[in-house]
Amino acid sequence: MKIITGTSNQPFAQKVAEHCFVDLVPADLNRFNDGEICVEVKENIRGKDVFLVNSTCSPVNESLMELLIMIDTAKRSSARRITAVIPYYGYARQDRKSASRTPITAKLVADLLTKAGADRILTMDLHAGQIQGFFDIPVDDLTSRIVFAKDIESKINKEEGCVFVSPDAGGAVRARKFADMFHGDIAIVDKRRPRAGVAEVMALIGDVKGKHAVLVDDIVDSGGTLCKAADAILEAGALSVRAYITHGVLSNGAQKKIDASNLQELVISDSIPYTGNVTKIRQVSVAPLFGEAMRRITNEESVSSLFQ
C-alpha cells in the first residue's frame, strides 16, 4: 500500500496513514507562476496499490484538478491499481438537470476521474446514491453513521426518547437508518426554496414533542436551512436539537449563524478541514474508518461488512 496526499486535507491523510501503519509517500505538489499544478512523486510506486487522498473541497476546482493530475502521475508511474480517496466529493449536488439548460456536473466529474486513470473510488456519504452509477469503475460509498452513532450515544439519554430529523424529504432514508440503530422515531422538515441558496421551512412532519431531536444530513453549506429547522423543531416542543452532518462546507458566514442559533451543537466529520473556533461546532474524525476500508481493499477483504 502506498498513500499519497494532495494539499486539500493533509491532516486527514496523515491520520489515515497512521491507522494503516504506513508513512505518506513523499511528493512535491507545486504551482508554476501562472497557477498550473505540478506533481512529482519522490518514491518508486511501480506495481504498487496506490491510494490518492484529496477532498474536492474549497477551492473546489483547484482540489479537483490536483487530484486528476495526481491520478495521471500515478498512472504514468506504472502503479498497479489507483484508488482515488475522496472524503468529500465536490459537485455532487449537481446530480440531475434541475432546469432546462443545466449540466449534470457530478457525472462530468465521474468521467474526468475515470478518464484520468482511477481504477476505484472511495468516498463518503455521496449527496445522491445514484452518483455511484455515473462511474464504470467500483465505488465504495462509506457512511459516517457508525462514527456519529457512538457520539450520539454518549450525548443523549435514550430513555428520554430521541427523534431523528431530516431537513428535507430526500434525506428521510438517512434519518430512518439512524432511527433504526436507536429504536427511535423520525421526522421530516418540509421546506421550499423560493430562490437559489434560500430556504423556507413550511412544516414539520412527525412528532418531536418531549424528545431530543437529532438533525442528520450529508452537507451543511450556508447553515440557513439548518438553523431554521432547529427553530421549527423547538417550536414543536422538542427538548433539545443537535445536528450531525458529514461534510462541513460552512460557507458565507455559516459559523456565525450556527453559533447564534438554537442548536445545542453541530457535529461534523473531518472530510473537510475545519479551522474555526466556534463553540457550537465540533469535529469528529472518520479517518480511522477510511484507513480500515483502505486496508480491506488492499487485502481484497469485504468493505461492506464494516457496516453490519
Protein backbone atom coordinates (compact mmCIF):
# COMPACT_ATOMS: atom_id res chain seq x y z
CA MET A 1 0.00 0.00 0.00
CA LYS A 2 1.22 3.49 -0.93
CA ILE A 3 -0.66 6.58 0.26
CA ILE A 4 -0.12 9.95 -1.40
CA THR A 5 -1.91 13.09 -0.27
CA GLY A 6 -2.88 16.26 -2.03
CA THR A 7 -2.97 19.66 -0.34
CA SER A 8 -6.69 19.93 0.42
CA ASN A 9 -6.78 17.82 3.61
CA GLN A 10 -3.29 16.74 4.64
CA PRO A 11 -4.05 16.22 8.40
CA PHE A 12 -6.77 13.74 7.41
CA ALA A 13 -4.38 11.82 5.15
CA GLN A 14 -1.81 11.67 7.96
CA LYS A 15 -4.39 10.12 10.32
CA VAL A 16 -5.32 7.56 7.64
CA ALA A 17 -1.67 6.63 7.13
CA GLU A 18 -1.17 6.21 10.88
CA HIS A 19 -4.15 3.86 11.04
CA CYS A 20 -2.65 1.79 8.21
CA PHE A 21 0.81 1.78 9.87
CA VAL A 22 2.47 3.30 6.80
CA ASP A 23 4.19 6.59 6.02
CA LEU A 24 2.84 9.00 3.45
CA VAL A 25 4.77 8.77 0.20
CA PRO A 26 6.80 11.99 -0.23
CA ALA A 27 5.58 14.05 -3.15
CA ASP A 28 6.09 17.60 -4.38
CA LEU A 29 2.89 19.44 -5.31
CA ASN A 30 3.94 22.80 -6.64
CA ARG A 31 2.42 25.66 -8.60
CA PHE A 32 4.01 27.41 -11.57
CA ASN A 33 3.85 31.20 -11.60
CA ASP A 34 0.65 31.14 -13.65
CA GLY A 35 -1.04 28.73 -11.20
CA GLU A 36 -0.51 25.47 -13.11
CA ILE A 37 -0.17 22.45 -10.82
CA CYS A 38 2.89 20.21 -10.98
CA VAL A 39 3.16 16.87 -9.14
CA GLU A 40 6.28 14.76 -8.63
CA VAL A 41 6.27 11.56 -6.56
CA LYS A 42 9.59 11.05 -4.75
CA GLU A 43 9.35 7.28 -4.28
CA ASN A 44 9.02 4.26 -6.55
CA ILE A 45 5.34 3.19 -6.87
CA ARG A 46 5.70 0.80 -9.80
CA GLY A 47 3.41 -2.19 -9.32
CA LYS A 48 2.04 -0.81 -6.03
CA ASP A 49 -1.51 -0.41 -4.71
CA VAL A 50 -1.71 3.40 -4.66
CA PHE A 51 -4.26 5.47 -2.72
CA LEU A 52 -4.52 9.17 -3.61
CA VAL A 53 -6.20 11.15 -0.82
CA ASN A 54 -7.72 14.53 -1.67
CA SER A 55 -11.09 16.07 -0.77
CA THR A 56 -12.54 18.14 -3.58
CA CYS A 57 -13.39 20.95 -1.16
CA SER A 58 -12.70 24.68 -1.37
CA PRO A 59 -11.04 25.77 -3.59
CA VAL A 60 -13.04 23.07 -5.37
CA ASN A 61 -11.67 23.47 -8.87
CA GLU A 62 -8.04 23.50 -7.72
CA SER A 63 -8.57 20.48 -5.48
CA LEU A 64 -10.22 18.55 -8.30
CA MET A 65 -7.52 19.44 -10.83
CA GLU A 66 -4.84 18.48 -8.31
CA LEU A 67 -6.46 15.07 -7.84
CA LEU A 68 -6.70 14.49 -11.61
CA ILE A 69 -3.01 15.32 -12.05
CA MET A 70 -2.10 13.03 -9.14
CA ILE A 71 -4.01 10.19 -10.81
CA ASP A 72 -2.21 10.80 -14.11
CA THR A 73 1.13 10.87 -12.27
CA ALA A 74 0.44 7.50 -10.61
CA LYS A 75 -0.75 6.01 -13.91
CA ARG A 76 2.41 7.12 -15.73
CA SER A 77 4.50 5.78 -12.82
CA SER A 78 3.14 2.26 -13.50
CA ALA A 79 1.07 1.88 -10.33
CA ARG A 80 -0.73 -1.48 -10.25
CA ARG A 81 -4.03 -0.04 -9.01
CA ILE A 82 -5.06 3.57 -8.37
CA THR A 83 -7.77 4.33 -5.82
CA ALA A 84 -8.94 7.93 -5.58
CA VAL A 85 -9.85 8.54 -1.93
CA ILE A 86 -12.27 11.48 -1.92
CA PRO A 87 -13.69 12.04 1.58
CA TYR A 88 -15.84 14.88 0.20
CA TYR A 89 -16.99 14.51 -3.42
CA GLY A 90 -17.46 18.02 -4.80
CA TYR A 91 -20.10 18.87 -7.42
CA ALA A 92 -22.29 16.06 -6.04
CA ARG A 93 -25.26 18.42 -5.62
CA GLN A 94 -25.44 18.80 -9.41
CA ASP A 95 -26.59 15.20 -9.89
CA ARG A 96 -29.51 15.84 -12.26
CA LYS A 97 -30.90 18.50 -14.59
CA SER A 98 -32.63 20.99 -12.29
CA ALA A 99 -33.78 23.18 -15.19
CA SER A 100 -33.95 23.04 -18.98
CA ARG A 101 -30.39 24.05 -19.83
CA THR A 102 -28.21 22.96 -16.92
CA PRO A 103 -25.34 20.44 -16.60
CA ILE A 104 -25.09 17.20 -14.65
CA THR A 105 -21.68 18.06 -13.25
CA ALA A 106 -21.46 15.08 -10.89
CA LYS A 107 -21.42 12.86 -13.99
CA LEU A 108 -18.80 15.07 -15.67
CA VAL A 109 -16.51 14.77 -12.64
CA ALA A 110 -17.00 10.97 -12.65
CA ASP A 111 -15.94 10.85 -16.31
CA LEU A 112 -12.89 13.01 -15.61
CA LEU A 113 -11.73 10.79 -12.74
CA THR A 114 -12.20 7.62 -14.79
CA LYS A 115 -10.53 9.02 -17.89
CA ALA A 116 -7.57 10.26 -15.84
CA GLY A 117 -6.89 6.65 -14.84
CA ALA A 118 -8.58 5.93 -11.49
CA ASP A 119 -9.36 2.22 -11.02
CA ARG A 120 -11.53 2.66 -7.93
CA ILE A 121 -13.24 5.43 -5.94
CA LEU A 122 -13.50 5.55 -2.14
CA THR A 123 -15.73 8.30 -0.79
CA MET A 124 -18.25 9.01 1.97
CA ASP A 125 -21.93 9.97 2.10
CA LEU A 126 -22.48 10.94 -1.51
CA HIS A 127 -25.20 13.56 -1.83
CA ALA A 128 -27.16 11.15 -4.01
CA GLY A 129 -26.61 7.40 -4.11
CA GLN A 130 -27.16 7.24 -7.86
CA ILE A 131 -23.83 9.03 -8.40
CA GLN A 132 -22.23 5.60 -7.96
CA GLY A 133 -23.89 4.68 -11.25
CA PHE A 134 -22.12 7.55 -13.01
CA PHE A 135 -18.88 5.54 -12.79
CA ASP A 136 -17.84 2.48 -14.80
CA ILE A 137 -15.39 1.52 -12.05
CA PRO A 138 -16.05 0.27 -8.47
CA VAL A 139 -17.22 2.90 -6.00
CA ASP A 140 -17.21 2.38 -2.22
CA ASP A 141 -19.51 4.91 -0.56
CA LEU A 142 -18.74 4.83 3.16
CA THR A 143 -21.06 6.29 5.80
CA SER A 144 -20.29 8.39 8.86
CA ARG A 145 -23.33 6.90 10.59
CA ILE A 146 -21.34 4.44 12.71
CA VAL A 147 -18.91 7.11 13.93
CA PHE A 148 -21.73 9.55 14.65
CA ALA A 149 -23.84 6.91 16.39
CA LYS A 150 -21.14 6.33 19.01
CA ASP A 151 -21.01 10.06 19.69
CA ILE A 152 -24.80 10.39 19.84
CA GLU A 153 -24.98 7.53 22.33
CA SER A 154 -22.63 9.39 24.69
CA LYS A 155 -24.55 12.67 24.44
CA ILE A 156 -28.24 11.74 24.53
CA ASN A 157 -30.27 9.98 27.19
CA LYS A 158 -32.17 7.43 25.13
CA GLU A 159 -34.62 6.80 27.97
CA GLU A 160 -35.96 10.33 27.50
CA GLY A 161 -36.62 9.49 23.86
CA CYS A 162 -34.95 10.69 20.68
CA VAL A 163 -36.17 11.51 17.20
CA PHE A 164 -34.02 11.79 14.09
CA VAL A 165 -34.97 14.62 11.78
CA SER A 166 -34.20 15.01 8.09
CA PRO A 167 -34.04 18.65 6.91
CA ASP A 168 -35.73 17.61 3.65
CA ALA A 169 -37.73 14.73 2.21
CA GLY A 170 -34.73 13.42 0.26
CA GLY A 171 -32.86 12.58 3.46
CA ALA A 172 -35.66 10.53 5.04
CA VAL A 173 -33.85 7.25 4.33
CA ARG A 174 -30.76 8.53 6.15
CA ALA A 175 -32.86 9.54 9.17
CA ARG A 176 -34.57 6.14 9.18
CA LYS A 177 -31.24 4.32 9.30
CA PHE A 178 -30.19 6.36 12.33
CA ALA A 179 -33.57 5.78 13.99
CA ASP A 180 -33.32 2.02 13.47
CA MET A 181 -29.99 1.99 15.32
CA PHE A 182 -31.53 3.76 18.33
CA HIS A 183 -35.08 2.36 18.09
CA GLY A 184 -36.23 5.95 17.72
CA ASP A 185 -38.68 7.85 15.53
CA ILE A 186 -38.14 10.09 12.52
CA ALA A 187 -39.46 13.46 11.43
CA ILE A 188 -39.07 15.47 8.23
CA VAL A 189 -38.80 19.20 7.68
CA ASP A 190 -40.91 20.32 4.73
CA LYS A 191 -39.16 23.23 3.07
CA ARG A 192 -39.18 25.15 -0.18
CA ARG A 193 -36.57 27.24 -1.95
CA PRO A 194 -38.03 30.49 -3.35
CA ARG A 195 -34.63 31.16 -4.94
CA ALA A 196 -31.18 29.59 -5.05
CA GLY A 197 -29.44 29.48 -1.68
CA VAL A 198 -32.56 30.48 0.26
CA ALA A 199 -34.78 28.00 2.14
CA GLU A 200 -38.08 28.46 3.95
CA VAL A 201 -39.45 25.94 6.44
CA MET A 202 -43.08 25.22 5.66
CA ALA A 203 -43.97 22.47 8.14
CA LEU A 204 -42.60 19.75 10.39
CA ILE A 205 -43.88 16.25 9.65
CA GLY A 206 -43.65 13.96 12.67
CA ASP A 207 -43.84 14.16 16.46
CA VAL A 208 -40.86 15.68 18.30
CA LYS A 209 -42.61 16.87 21.46
CA GLY A 210 -40.79 15.94 24.67
CA LYS A 211 -37.91 14.26 22.79
CA HIS A 212 -34.29 15.04 21.99
CA ALA A 213 -34.10 15.85 18.27
CA VAL A 214 -31.08 15.00 16.14
CA LEU A 215 -30.84 16.58 12.69
CA VAL A 216 -28.92 14.36 10.27
CA ASP A 217 -27.74 15.32 6.79
CA ASP A 218 -24.81 14.94 4.39
CA ILE A 219 -23.84 18.58 3.77
CA VAL A 220 -24.11 21.84 5.70
CA ASP A 221 -23.25 24.80 3.49
CA SER A 222 -24.55 28.24 4.44
CA GLY A 223 -26.34 26.87 7.53
CA GLY A 224 -29.57 28.76 6.87
CA THR A 225 -31.77 25.69 6.46
CA LEU A 226 -30.23 24.03 9.50
CA CYS A 227 -30.87 27.00 11.81
CA LYS A 228 -34.46 27.46 10.61
CA ALA A 229 -35.12 23.74 11.00
CA ALA A 230 -33.84 23.89 14.60
CA ASP A 231 -36.25 26.76 15.33
CA ALA A 232 -39.20 24.81 13.91
CA ILE A 233 -38.30 21.70 15.90
CA LEU A 234 -38.05 23.59 19.21
CA GLU A 235 -41.34 25.37 18.50
CA ALA A 236 -42.90 21.90 18.11
CA GLY A 237 -41.86 21.03 21.67
CA ALA A 238 -38.54 19.21 21.36
CA LEU A 239 -36.32 19.11 24.47
CA SER A 240 -33.14 19.88 22.50
CA VAL A 241 -31.78 19.96 18.97
CA ARG A 242 -28.38 18.70 17.85
CA ALA A 243 -27.12 18.26 14.29
CA TYR A 244 -24.81 15.57 12.94
CA ILE A 245 -23.73 16.37 9.39
CA THR A 246 -20.94 14.64 7.48
CA HIS A 247 -19.48 17.39 5.31
CA GLY A 248 -18.99 20.82 6.86
CA VAL A 249 -18.70 23.14 3.86
CA LEU A 250 -19.64 26.09 6.12
CA SER A 251 -19.63 28.97 3.63
CA ASN A 252 -20.99 32.53 3.71
CA GLY A 253 -20.79 33.14 7.43
CA ALA A 254 -22.27 29.77 8.36
CA GLN A 255 -20.20 29.51 11.53
CA LYS A 256 -21.62 32.72 12.98
CA LYS A 257 -25.17 31.67 12.08
CA ILE A 258 -24.77 28.34 13.82
CA ASP A 259 -23.17 29.88 16.91
CA ALA A 260 -26.11 32.29 17.24
CA SER A 261 -28.74 29.61 16.53
CA ASN A 262 -30.87 27.46 18.85
CA LEU A 263 -28.80 24.39 18.01
CA GLN A 264 -27.17 22.82 21.04
CA GLU A 265 -24.24 21.78 18.85
CA LEU A 266 -23.26 20.86 15.31
CA VAL A 267 -21.02 17.83 14.89
CA ILE A 268 -19.19 17.42 11.57
CA SER A 269 -16.60 14.97 10.27
CA ASP A 270 -13.08 15.83 9.14
CA SER A 271 -13.82 15.02 5.49
CA ILE A 272 -13.31 18.78 5.00
CA PRO A 273 -10.73 20.67 7.11
CA TYR A 274 -12.28 22.82 9.84
CA THR A 275 -10.15 25.57 11.35
CA GLY A 276 -12.79 27.63 13.15
CA ASN A 277 -13.18 28.04 16.88
CA VAL A 278 -16.96 28.32 17.18
CA THR A 279 -18.18 26.88 20.47
CA LYS A 280 -21.16 25.07 18.98
CA ILE A 281 -19.23 23.30 16.19
CA ARG A 282 -17.32 20.14 17.00
CA GLN A 283 -15.42 17.79 14.68
CA VAL A 284 -15.03 14.01 14.93
CA SER A 285 -12.64 12.02 12.79
CA VAL A 286 -13.66 9.47 10.17
CA ALA A 287 -10.02 8.88 9.18
CA PRO A 288 -9.80 5.50 11.00
CA LEU A 289 -12.88 4.35 9.06
CA PHE A 290 -11.24 5.29 5.77
CA GLY A 291 -7.99 3.67 6.88
CA GLU A 292 -9.77 0.42 7.67
CA ALA A 293 -11.60 0.47 4.32
CA MET A 294 -8.30 1.03 2.50
CA ARG A 295 -6.66 -1.82 4.40
CA ARG A 296 -9.51 -4.10 3.37
CA ILE A 297 -9.31 -3.02 -0.27
CA THR A 298 -5.58 -3.78 -0.33
CA ASN A 299 -6.16 -7.21 1.26
CA GLU A 300 -9.17 -7.95 -1.00
CA GLU A 301 -11.49 -8.15 2.02
CA SER A 302 -15.12 -7.06 2.29
CA VAL A 303 -15.71 -3.34 2.83
CA SER A 304 -19.49 -3.62 3.28
CA SER A 305 -19.04 -5.81 6.37
CA LEU A 306 -17.73 -2.68 8.13
CA PHE A 307 -21.34 -1.50 8.44
CA GLN A 308 -23.05 -4.68 9.60
